[in-house]
Amino acid sequence: MLKNCLILIAAFIAVSCSRPSKPATHTGHLDSIAHEYVKLGLSIGRYDGDFVDAYYGPDSLRPAKTDTSQFPKEAFLRKIAGLKKALTEFSSQTENDTAARRARWMSAQLTAFQRRVHIFSGTFVPFDAESKALFDAVAPVHEEQHFRELITRLDALLPGKGPIPNRYQALANRFLIPKDKIDTVFRAAITEARKRTMVHYTLPAGEDFRLEYVEDKPWSGYNWYKGNYKSVIQINVSQPIYIERAIDLACHEGYPGHHVYNALLEKNLFRDKGWTEISLYPLFSPQSLIAEGSANYGISMAFPGNEQQEFCKKVLIPLAGLDTAQIGVYFEALAIRSALNYARNEVARGMLDRGMSDKEAKRWLTDYCLLPEKGATDYLRFIRKYRSYVINYNYGQDIVKKYIESQDGGTDPDKRWKLFEQLLSNESKAGDLLNQ
């Protein structure tokens, strides 16, 4: 009997040793790649100060301090290629759909790493090729006639006579928040946005933000996510801030926008599942299209239909000490102005692809985007710094909107919030949403 048992054990060992191992199909191998992905991103960030927007992972993955006077472009590109190859091999061998999707997401992020390394080194491709590599999307092209037609609609709506940008600005100035009221108005808007979000979501315990006011930035607001469910939200007060922007920025930077997005990713993927790659947020990557698109769509999530106008009229305008007269006309004009935002893409495309002059760029920004002189100047700074990133706001929002509402989230508010939460809690890119 003992002899038979020994024979069976020996046979089992022989069979086991003859079977080929499959480390590439094991999620532990994917976790190892994720660690290398994070280490690579943090290393690039030591040279490119705009590369890493947030990191809340292990300190052990941070690179040692080294000389950064020479950018090791070729070494970075070889490392990127090696990790992409490993991810492709993993995807082809694994039978785990979740792991395969995770690998594809990291691979798309690495494609963006590759393009950003080239940009940082001064090597460029056309605008659409750049946005595809960085953000997994190519925004539609609109000819100038498209914007002229929208301006014609605005012409019929705006009171007074004269140039349309001047008439729009005269109307908007009625709702300019006085500087000494900005903090009061913003805190009221954020409190309301948070309250509306918390009706639908249970956020991690201890989530919070700090509100700061800054000057001389190319953007109007920014969320700096610090990890452990904490954010710093900065508002640029050197730009004029109109009443609707209080809600826009409260939702976009806070609830249910960037702060909620980052907190849910940290809780659901990094803390609960141990997916190290999500602890690194590379700014120039497909993750940003989802981040910016969902943050903009989040405004209408929290304040659907006419509710933004009503909250401004009943709460924010009185807090700002402004008159509510013409608020209806103003919000009708804002709806047209929102459609005009695609002109920003054409300005960026023109500047990067065709050498559009500053004079011509400012004409587009004032005539079609209806920006005042200060706003137009700041937006030129934004384009020079962030390049094709501009598509993430308008086209990103449209991609998210179409995705949510095509999943039967257009008429059922509860389902819309649930779909939105799922989007904010998973690794997604534009291609995933467009292919639904």
Protein backbone atom coordinates (compact mmCIF):
# COMPACT_ATOMS: atom_id res chain seq x y z
CA MET A 1 0.00 0.00 0.00
CA LEU A 2 2.80 2.38 0.97
CA LYS A 3 4.65 1.49 -2.23
CA ASN A 4 1.56 2.34 -4.33
CA CYS A 5 1.16 5.68 -2.56
CA LEU A 6 4.81 6.54 -3.23
CA ILE A 7 4.38 5.65 -6.89
CA LEU A 8 1.28 7.91 -7.15
CA ILE A 9 3.07 10.80 -5.43
CA ALA A 10 6.06 10.45 -7.74
CA ALA A 11 3.79 10.40 -10.77
CA PHE A 12 1.95 13.53 -9.55
CA ILE A 13 5.22 15.39 -9.05
CA ALA A 14 6.43 14.39 -12.51
CA VAL A 15 3.23 15.59 -14.16
CA SER A 16 3.28 18.83 -12.19
CA CYS A 17 6.89 19.55 -13.18
CA SER A 18 6.17 18.83 -16.83
CA ARG A 19 3.34 21.38 -17.01
CA PRO A 20 4.46 24.79 -18.32
CA SER A 21 4.08 27.57 -15.78
CA LYS A 22 1.90 30.53 -16.71
CA PRO A 23 3.16 33.50 -14.69
CA ALA A 24 1.87 35.93 -17.31
CA THR A 25 -1.70 34.89 -16.63
CA HIS A 26 -1.42 35.44 -12.90
CA THR A 27 -2.51 38.81 -11.52
CA GLY A 28 0.64 38.87 -9.39
CA HIS A 29 2.60 39.37 -12.60
CA LEU A 30 0.28 42.22 -13.56
CA ASP A 31 0.82 43.79 -10.15
CA SER A 32 4.59 43.66 -10.79
CA ILE A 33 4.11 45.44 -14.11
CA ALA A 34 1.92 48.02 -12.34
CA HIS A 35 4.74 48.73 -9.89
CA GLU A 36 7.16 49.28 -12.78
CA TYR A 37 4.58 51.50 -14.51
CA VAL A 38 4.32 53.72 -11.43
CA LYS A 39 8.09 53.87 -10.92
CA LEU A 40 8.51 54.87 -14.56
CA GLY A 41 5.87 57.60 -14.37
CA LEU A 42 7.39 59.05 -11.21
CA SER A 43 10.85 58.96 -12.81
CA ILE A 44 9.63 60.90 -15.86
CA GLY A 45 7.98 63.34 -13.47
CA ARG A 46 11.35 64.20 -11.95
CA TYR A 47 12.24 65.84 -15.27
CA ASP A 48 8.83 66.94 -16.56
CA GLY A 49 7.20 68.94 -13.78
CA ASP A 50 3.75 68.73 -15.37
CA PHE A 51 3.79 64.96 -15.85
CA VAL A 52 2.48 63.80 -12.45
CA ASP A 53 -0.74 65.45 -11.33
CA ALA A 54 -1.16 63.29 -8.21
CA TYR A 55 0.47 60.36 -6.46
CA TYR A 56 -0.62 58.67 -3.23
CA GLY A 57 1.06 55.27 -3.52
CA PRO A 58 3.98 53.73 -1.60
CA ASP A 59 7.05 55.88 -1.01
CA SER A 60 9.13 52.82 -1.93
CA LEU A 61 8.20 53.37 -5.60
CA ARG A 62 9.50 56.93 -5.67
CA PRO A 63 12.79 57.28 -7.56
CA ALA A 64 15.99 58.12 -5.76
CA LYS A 65 17.18 61.69 -6.17
CA THR A 66 19.52 61.84 -9.14
CA ASP A 67 20.97 64.41 -11.50
CA THR A 68 18.17 65.69 -13.74
CA SER A 69 20.21 67.96 -15.98
CA GLN A 70 20.07 65.49 -18.90
CA PHE A 71 16.69 64.03 -19.92
CA PRO A 72 17.17 60.29 -20.67
CA LYS A 73 14.66 60.22 -23.53
CA GLU A 74 15.81 57.00 -25.19
CA ALA A 75 16.03 55.10 -21.91
CA PHE A 76 12.48 56.14 -21.04
CA LEU A 77 11.20 55.13 -24.47
CA ARG A 78 12.86 51.71 -24.18
CA LYS A 79 11.29 51.17 -20.77
CA ILE A 80 7.87 52.20 -22.06
CA ALA A 81 8.18 49.81 -25.01
CA GLY A 82 9.20 46.98 -22.71
CA LEU A 83 6.24 47.48 -20.38
CA LYS A 84 3.80 47.73 -23.30
CA LYS A 85 5.16 44.46 -24.70
CA ALA A 86 4.74 42.77 -21.33
CA LEU A 87 1.15 44.03 -21.07
CA THR A 88 0.33 42.85 -24.60
CA GLU A 89 1.67 39.38 -23.79
CA PHE A 90 -0.28 39.32 -20.54
CA SER A 91 -3.53 40.34 -22.28
CA SER A 92 -3.11 37.63 -24.92
CA GLN A 93 -2.63 34.89 -22.32
CA THR A 94 -4.96 35.76 -19.47
CA GLU A 95 -8.53 34.46 -19.34
CA ASN A 96 -9.47 37.01 -16.69
CA ASP A 97 -11.51 39.79 -18.36
CA THR A 98 -10.93 42.24 -15.50
CA ALA A 99 -7.17 41.71 -15.59
CA ALA A 100 -7.13 42.03 -19.39
CA ARG A 101 -9.04 45.32 -19.23
CA ARG A 102 -6.66 46.56 -16.55
CA ALA A 103 -3.68 45.66 -18.77
CA ARG A 104 -5.21 47.45 -21.78
CA TRP A 105 -5.79 50.56 -19.67
CA MET A 106 -2.16 50.65 -18.54
CA SER A 107 -1.02 50.12 -22.12
CA ALA A 108 -3.05 53.12 -23.28
CA GLN A 109 -1.57 55.18 -20.46
CA LEU A 110 1.91 54.12 -21.59
CA THR A 111 1.12 55.23 -25.14
CA ALA A 112 0.50 58.65 -23.61
CA PHE A 113 3.78 58.41 -21.66
CA GLN A 114 5.53 57.82 -24.98
CA ARG A 115 3.97 60.83 -26.70
CA ARG A 116 4.59 63.09 -23.69
CA VAL A 117 8.28 62.09 -23.61
CA HIS A 118 8.52 63.16 -27.26
CA ILE A 119 6.69 66.45 -26.58
CA PHE A 120 8.95 67.21 -23.62
CA SER A 121 11.92 66.57 -25.91
CA GLY A 122 10.56 68.93 -28.57
CA THR A 123 9.26 66.33 -31.06
CA PHE A 124 5.69 66.98 -32.19
CA VAL A 125 2.96 65.42 -34.33
CA PRO A 126 -0.27 67.01 -35.64
CA PHE A 127 -2.92 68.05 -33.10
CA ASP A 128 -5.28 65.12 -33.75
CA ALA A 129 -2.48 62.54 -33.64
CA GLU A 130 -1.29 64.06 -30.40
CA SER A 131 -4.72 64.00 -28.75
CA LYS A 132 -5.26 60.40 -29.88
CA ALA A 133 -1.97 59.28 -28.33
CA LEU A 134 -2.39 61.29 -25.15
CA PHE A 135 -6.12 61.05 -24.51
CA ASP A 136 -7.40 58.19 -26.72
CA ALA A 137 -9.70 60.56 -28.62
CA VAL A 138 -9.85 62.83 -31.65
CA ALA A 139 -12.26 65.75 -31.35
CA PRO A 140 -14.51 66.64 -34.29
CA VAL A 141 -13.44 69.51 -36.54
CA HIS A 142 -15.77 72.51 -36.91
CA GLU A 143 -15.37 75.11 -39.64
CA GLU A 144 -15.72 78.79 -38.78
CA GLN A 145 -19.19 78.87 -40.36
CA HIS A 146 -20.46 76.57 -37.60
CA PHE A 147 -19.56 79.17 -34.99
CA ARG A 148 -20.91 82.04 -37.08
CA GLU A 149 -24.31 80.33 -37.09
CA LEU A 150 -24.27 79.98 -33.31
CA ILE A 151 -23.28 83.64 -32.97
CA THR A 152 -26.25 84.59 -35.16
CA ARG A 153 -28.53 82.87 -32.65
CA LEU A 154 -26.85 84.78 -29.86
CA ASP A 155 -27.28 88.05 -31.76
CA ALA A 156 -31.04 87.59 -31.76
CA LEU A 157 -31.06 86.94 -28.02
CA LEU A 158 -28.77 89.58 -26.56
CA PRO A 159 -30.17 92.98 -25.58
CA GLY A 160 -28.79 96.18 -27.06
CA LYS A 161 -26.93 96.95 -30.28
CA GLY A 162 -23.34 96.77 -31.40
CA PRO A 163 -20.67 94.04 -31.53
CA ILE A 164 -21.89 90.75 -30.09
CA PRO A 165 -18.90 90.19 -27.75
CA ASN A 166 -19.47 93.63 -26.22
CA ARG A 167 -23.18 92.99 -25.74
CA TYR A 168 -22.54 89.58 -24.23
CA GLN A 169 -19.95 91.07 -21.88
CA ALA A 170 -22.36 93.82 -20.80
CA LEU A 171 -24.93 91.16 -19.89
CA ALA A 172 -22.35 88.95 -18.14
CA ASN A 173 -21.02 91.89 -16.11
CA ARG A 174 -24.39 92.11 -14.37
CA PHE A 175 -23.51 88.75 -12.80
CA LEU A 176 -19.85 89.35 -11.98
CA ILE A 177 -19.16 88.28 -8.38
CA PRO A 178 -17.56 91.12 -6.38
CA LYS A 179 -14.15 90.07 -5.05
CA ASP A 180 -15.21 90.50 -1.43
CA LYS A 181 -18.11 88.07 -2.01
CA ILE A 182 -16.21 85.30 -3.84
CA ASP A 183 -15.47 83.20 -0.76
CA THR A 184 -19.05 83.43 0.54
CA VAL A 185 -20.55 82.50 -2.82
CA PHE A 186 -18.10 79.66 -3.50
CA ARG A 187 -18.57 78.05 -0.11
CA ALA A 188 -22.34 78.14 -0.54
CA ALA A 189 -22.03 76.55 -4.00
CA ILE A 190 -19.69 73.80 -2.80
CA THR A 191 -21.86 73.05 0.22
CA GLU A 192 -24.89 72.61 -2.04
CA ALA A 193 -23.00 70.54 -4.62
CA ARG A 194 -21.70 68.25 -1.87
CA LYS A 195 -25.14 67.88 -0.31
CA ARG A 196 -26.68 66.89 -3.65
CA THR A 197 -23.89 64.41 -4.34
CA MET A 198 -24.11 62.80 -0.90
CA VAL A 199 -27.78 62.03 -1.46
CA HIS A 200 -26.59 59.44 -3.99
CA TYR A 201 -23.07 58.46 -2.90
CA THR A 202 -21.43 57.33 0.32
CA LEU A 203 -17.92 58.73 0.14
CA PRO A 204 -14.98 57.37 2.15
CA ALA A 205 -14.83 58.45 5.79
CA GLY A 206 -12.63 61.49 6.28
CA GLU A 207 -12.93 62.83 2.73
CA ASP A 208 -12.44 66.57 2.73
CA PHE A 209 -10.97 69.50 0.82
CA ARG A 210 -9.25 72.80 1.49
CA LEU A 211 -10.30 75.85 -0.55
CA GLU A 212 -7.61 78.32 -1.61
CA TYR A 213 -7.62 81.48 -3.74
CA VAL A 214 -4.69 82.06 -6.09
CA GLU A 215 -3.70 84.52 -8.83
CA ASP A 216 -1.98 84.65 -12.21
CA LYS A 217 -2.78 81.14 -13.41
CA PRO A 218 -3.73 80.06 -16.96
CA TRP A 219 -6.74 78.15 -15.55
CA SER A 220 -9.82 79.25 -13.57
CA GLY A 221 -9.80 76.39 -11.07
CA TYR A 222 -7.69 73.37 -10.16
CA ASN A 223 -8.04 70.32 -7.92
CA TRP A 224 -4.81 69.04 -6.40
CA TYR A 225 -5.60 65.59 -5.07
CA LYS A 226 -3.40 64.71 -2.08
CA GLY A 227 -4.47 61.15 -1.31
CA ASN A 228 -6.24 59.79 1.77
CA TYR A 229 -9.42 61.31 0.27
CA LYS A 230 -8.18 64.89 0.65
CA SER A 231 -7.99 67.65 -2.00
CA VAL A 232 -6.82 71.22 -2.30
CA ILE A 233 -9.19 73.18 -4.54
CA GLN A 234 -7.72 76.40 -5.92
CA ILE A 235 -9.74 79.20 -7.52
CA ASN A 236 -7.95 81.75 -9.70
CA VAL A 237 -9.28 85.15 -8.62
CA SER A 238 -7.19 87.13 -11.10
CA GLN A 239 -9.78 86.19 -13.72
CA PRO A 240 -13.30 87.66 -13.55
CA ILE A 241 -15.67 85.13 -11.95
CA TYR A 242 -19.32 85.15 -12.93
CA ILE A 243 -22.15 83.74 -10.85
CA GLU A 244 -22.63 80.49 -12.79
CA ARG A 245 -18.91 79.71 -12.46
CA ALA A 246 -19.35 79.25 -8.71
CA ILE A 247 -21.55 76.20 -9.38
CA ASP A 248 -19.47 75.09 -12.38
CA LEU A 249 -16.25 75.04 -10.36
CA ALA A 250 -17.88 73.68 -7.19
CA CYS A 251 -19.09 70.67 -9.18
CA HIS A 252 -16.14 70.34 -11.55
CA GLU A 253 -13.36 70.58 -8.96
CA GLY A 254 -15.35 69.14 -6.07
CA TYR A 255 -18.68 67.32 -6.08
CA PRO A 256 -19.30 65.15 -8.06
CA GLY A 257 -16.21 66.11 -10.08
CA HIS A 258 -12.47 65.70 -9.55
CA HIS A 259 -12.51 65.31 -5.76
CA VAL A 260 -15.15 62.58 -5.87
CA TYR A 261 -13.55 60.87 -8.89
CA ASN A 262 -10.15 60.64 -7.22
CA ALA A 263 -11.59 59.58 -3.86
CA LEU A 264 -13.63 56.79 -5.42
CA LEU A 265 -10.67 55.53 -7.46
CA GLU A 266 -8.45 55.55 -4.38
CA LYS A 267 -11.02 53.73 -2.24
CA ASN A 268 -12.35 51.19 -4.74
CA LEU A 269 -9.23 50.36 -6.73
CA PHE A 270 -6.15 51.27 -4.70
CA ARG A 271 -7.30 50.59 -1.13
CA ASP A 272 -9.80 47.77 -1.72
CA LYS A 273 -8.18 45.95 -4.67
CA GLY A 274 -4.54 46.92 -4.34
CA TRP A 275 -4.22 48.22 -7.92
CA THR A 276 -1.06 50.26 -7.50
CA GLU A 277 -1.21 51.85 -10.96
CA ILE A 278 -4.22 54.00 -10.05
CA SER A 279 -2.24 55.75 -7.30
CA LEU A 280 -0.36 57.61 -10.06
CA TYR A 281 -2.36 60.18 -12.00
CA PRO A 282 -0.36 61.26 -15.09
CA LEU A 283 -1.89 64.50 -16.32
CA PHE A 284 -1.30 63.91 -20.03
CA SER A 285 -3.05 60.55 -20.32
CA PRO A 286 -6.42 58.97 -21.24
CA GLN A 287 -7.37 59.25 -17.57
CA SER A 288 -7.61 63.03 -17.98
CA LEU A 289 -10.29 62.86 -20.66
CA ILE A 290 -12.46 60.83 -18.29
CA ALA A 291 -11.57 63.14 -15.40
CA GLU A 292 -12.36 66.41 -17.21
CA GLY A 293 -15.31 65.05 -19.17
CA SER A 294 -16.98 63.57 -16.09
CA ALA A 295 -16.25 66.70 -14.04
CA ASN A 296 -18.00 68.88 -16.62
CA TYR A 297 -20.88 66.43 -17.00
CA GLY A 298 -21.12 66.35 -13.21
CA ILE A 299 -22.45 69.91 -13.23
CA SER A 300 -25.67 68.78 -14.89
CA MET A 301 -25.73 65.69 -12.68
CA ALA A 302 -25.90 67.79 -9.53
CA PHE A 303 -27.96 70.63 -11.05
CA PRO A 304 -30.10 69.09 -13.82
CA GLY A 305 -32.40 71.05 -16.09
CA ASN A 306 -33.10 74.56 -14.82
CA GLU A 307 -31.79 73.95 -11.30
CA GLN A 308 -28.47 75.76 -11.72
CA GLN A 309 -30.29 78.91 -12.81
CA GLU A 310 -32.78 78.61 -9.96
CA PHE A 311 -30.09 78.10 -7.31
CA CYS A 312 -28.19 81.10 -8.66
CA LYS A 313 -31.33 83.20 -8.62
CA LYS A 314 -32.56 82.20 -5.16
CA VAL A 315 -29.29 81.74 -3.27
CA LEU A 316 -26.05 82.82 -4.95
CA ILE A 317 -27.08 86.09 -6.58
CA PRO A 318 -28.49 87.48 -3.31
CA LEU A 319 -25.32 86.36 -1.48
CA ALA A 320 -23.27 88.22 -4.08
CA GLY A 321 -25.43 91.32 -3.71
CA LEU A 322 -26.42 91.28 -7.39
CA ASP A 323 -29.69 91.93 -9.21
CA THR A 324 -31.58 88.91 -10.58
CA ALA A 325 -33.03 90.89 -13.51
CA GLN A 326 -32.20 89.30 -16.90
CA ILE A 327 -31.03 86.06 -15.31
CA GLY A 328 -33.20 84.08 -17.75
CA VAL A 329 -31.67 85.75 -20.80
CA TYR A 330 -28.22 85.26 -19.33
CA PHE A 331 -28.66 81.51 -18.95
CA GLU A 332 -30.04 81.22 -22.47
CA ALA A 333 -26.89 82.98 -23.68
CA LEU A 334 -24.76 80.63 -21.56
CA ALA A 335 -26.31 77.61 -23.29
CA ILE A 336 -25.24 78.96 -26.70
CA ARG A 337 -21.84 79.90 -25.32
CA SER A 338 -21.39 76.32 -24.14
CA ALA A 339 -21.83 75.08 -27.71
CA LEU A 340 -19.31 77.70 -28.83
CA ASN A 341 -16.66 76.14 -26.58
CA TYR A 342 -15.58 73.86 -29.41
CA ALA A 343 -14.00 76.97 -30.94
CA ARG A 344 -11.28 76.60 -28.29
CA ASN A 345 -10.26 73.32 -29.93
CA GLU A 346 -10.00 75.02 -33.31
CA VAL A 347 -7.80 77.75 -31.85
CA ALA A 348 -5.49 75.14 -30.32
CA ARG A 349 -5.52 73.08 -33.53
CA GLY A 350 -4.73 76.21 -35.55
CA MET A 351 -1.91 77.32 -33.27
CA LEU A 352 -0.26 73.90 -33.06
CA ASP A 353 -0.79 72.73 -36.65
CA ARG A 354 -0.85 75.85 -38.76
CA GLY A 355 0.99 78.46 -36.76
CA MET A 356 -2.13 80.57 -36.17
CA SER A 357 -0.98 84.01 -34.98
CA ASP A 358 -1.79 85.35 -31.54
CA LYS A 359 -3.87 88.07 -33.18
CA GLU A 360 -6.01 85.56 -35.07
CA ALA A 361 -6.26 83.28 -32.03
CA LYS A 362 -7.49 86.18 -29.89
CA ARG A 363 -10.06 87.07 -32.56
CA TRP A 364 -11.51 83.56 -32.33
CA LEU A 365 -11.41 83.60 -28.55
CA THR A 366 -13.21 86.94 -28.30
CA ASP A 367 -15.60 86.62 -31.28
CA TYR A 368 -16.63 82.98 -30.75
CA CYS A 369 -15.63 82.01 -27.21
CA LEU A 370 -16.75 85.44 -25.96
CA LEU A 371 -13.75 85.78 -23.67
CA PRO A 372 -12.74 89.23 -22.41
CA GLU A 373 -9.21 90.45 -23.15
CA LYS A 374 -7.80 89.00 -19.92
CA GLY A 375 -9.53 85.66 -20.51
CA ALA A 376 -8.27 85.43 -24.10
CA THR A 377 -4.70 86.18 -23.04
CA ASP A 378 -4.85 83.58 -20.28
CA TYR A 379 -6.27 80.98 -22.64
CA LEU A 380 -3.37 81.45 -25.04
CA ARG A 381 -1.12 80.65 -22.09
CA PHE A 382 -3.23 77.58 -21.39
CA ILE A 383 -2.90 76.29 -24.96
CA ARG A 384 0.85 76.78 -25.01
CA LYS A 385 1.23 74.86 -21.75
CA TYR A 386 -1.41 72.13 -22.12
CA ARG A 387 -1.71 71.84 -25.93
CA SER A 388 -4.32 69.27 -27.08
CA TYR A 389 -5.53 68.87 -23.48
CA VAL A 390 -8.26 71.36 -24.44
CA ILE A 391 -10.40 68.61 -26.02
CA ASN A 392 -10.92 66.93 -22.65
CA TYR A 393 -13.37 69.58 -21.47
CA ASN A 394 -15.85 69.78 -24.36
CA TYR A 395 -15.39 66.53 -26.27
CA GLY A 396 -14.71 64.66 -23.05
CA GLN A 397 -18.00 65.93 -21.64
CA ASP A 398 -19.87 64.91 -24.78
CA ILE A 399 -18.35 61.42 -24.70
CA VAL A 400 -19.36 60.93 -21.06
CA LYS A 401 -22.83 62.38 -21.67
CA LYS A 402 -23.48 60.11 -24.64
CA TYR A 403 -22.22 57.07 -22.75
CA ILE A 404 -24.32 57.68 -19.63
CA GLU A 405 -27.48 58.60 -21.50
CA SER A 406 -27.18 55.76 -24.01
CA GLN A 407 -27.21 53.29 -21.11
CA ASP A 408 -30.79 54.34 -20.24
CA GLY A 409 -29.45 56.98 -17.89
CA GLY A 410 -31.10 59.84 -19.74
CA THR A 411 -34.51 59.70 -18.11
CA ASP A 412 -33.97 57.89 -14.80
CA PRO A 413 -32.03 60.11 -12.34
CA ASP A 414 -31.21 57.27 -9.95
CA LYS A 415 -29.85 55.10 -12.75
CA ARG A 416 -27.89 58.06 -14.12
CA TRP A 417 -26.19 58.58 -10.74
CA LYS A 418 -25.44 54.85 -10.51
CA LEU A 419 -23.91 54.74 -13.99
CA PHE A 420 -21.91 57.84 -13.21
CA GLU A 421 -20.59 56.26 -9.99
CA GLN A 422 -19.52 53.16 -11.91
CA LEU A 423 -17.65 55.35 -14.40
CA LEU A 424 -15.90 57.23 -11.58
CA SER A 425 -14.93 53.99 -9.82
CA ASN A 426 -13.20 52.14 -12.66
CA GLU A 427 -10.28 52.40 -15.06
CA SER A 428 -11.87 53.66 -18.28
CA LYS A 429 -10.74 55.45 -21.41
CA ALA A 430 -12.55 57.22 -24.23
CA GLY A 431 -12.40 54.20 -26.54
CA ASP A 432 -14.21 52.06 -23.97
CA LEU A 433 -17.07 54.56 -23.79
CA LEU A 434 -17.27 55.19 -27.53
CA ASN A 435 -17.44 51.47 -28.29
CA GLN A 436 -20.43 50.81 -26.04
